[in-house]
Amino acid sequence: MKEEETFLNSSGYVYKKIVPQKLNAWKKGNDIFIHLFMKVRIQGNSIRFRLKQPEVERFGREGSITESMSFTETEDGLSFTLEVTQDDAFSVQYDTGKMILWIPQKTATQWTRGAAVGFEEKIKTSAGKTISLLVEKDFKCLDGKEEEEEGSYPNPLKAC
């Protein structure tokens, strides 16, 4: 079940969102941040993930992050997970609507703790297909609405 909540951001802008009852929430200064959704883009055999700053921090801390969607209240739907592995190689696993992309610990640590914007890899599946993976930090749009940009990295192209 979803409910409607009203939010006030630091600029005094009031907006409403339909949000799930289970929320990830945190506070920074006077602002309260509510679960920020990892962006997933699929094109052919390519998949791109864009993570906001709190999501990158969580991935670095917990070693896993998942985004999912459901079509009905009674089914599992689709889920996409980035998961850290102790293996040296990237790998992918798919089973009934669940895709797990295994990221080597070294790559995950360097990315979450460093300045690199992202990483990419071509991953062979057990069926001999190739999946192109791109994982990036999500930067604020230069012309985006502030409430949609909460948790994004500052855009280095923004003139201050």
Foldseek 3Di string as FASTA:
>chain_A
DWDKDWAQAPVRDIDIDTGRPDWDWDDDDPGIDIDAAWDWDDDPLEIETEAFLVRLVCCLVVQKDKDADDPDPPDRHAMEMEGEDCDPDWEWDDDDRYIYIYDYPVQSNCVSPHDDFWDWDWYAYPVRDTHIYIYGYAEDDQPDDPVNCPRGHHDPVHDD
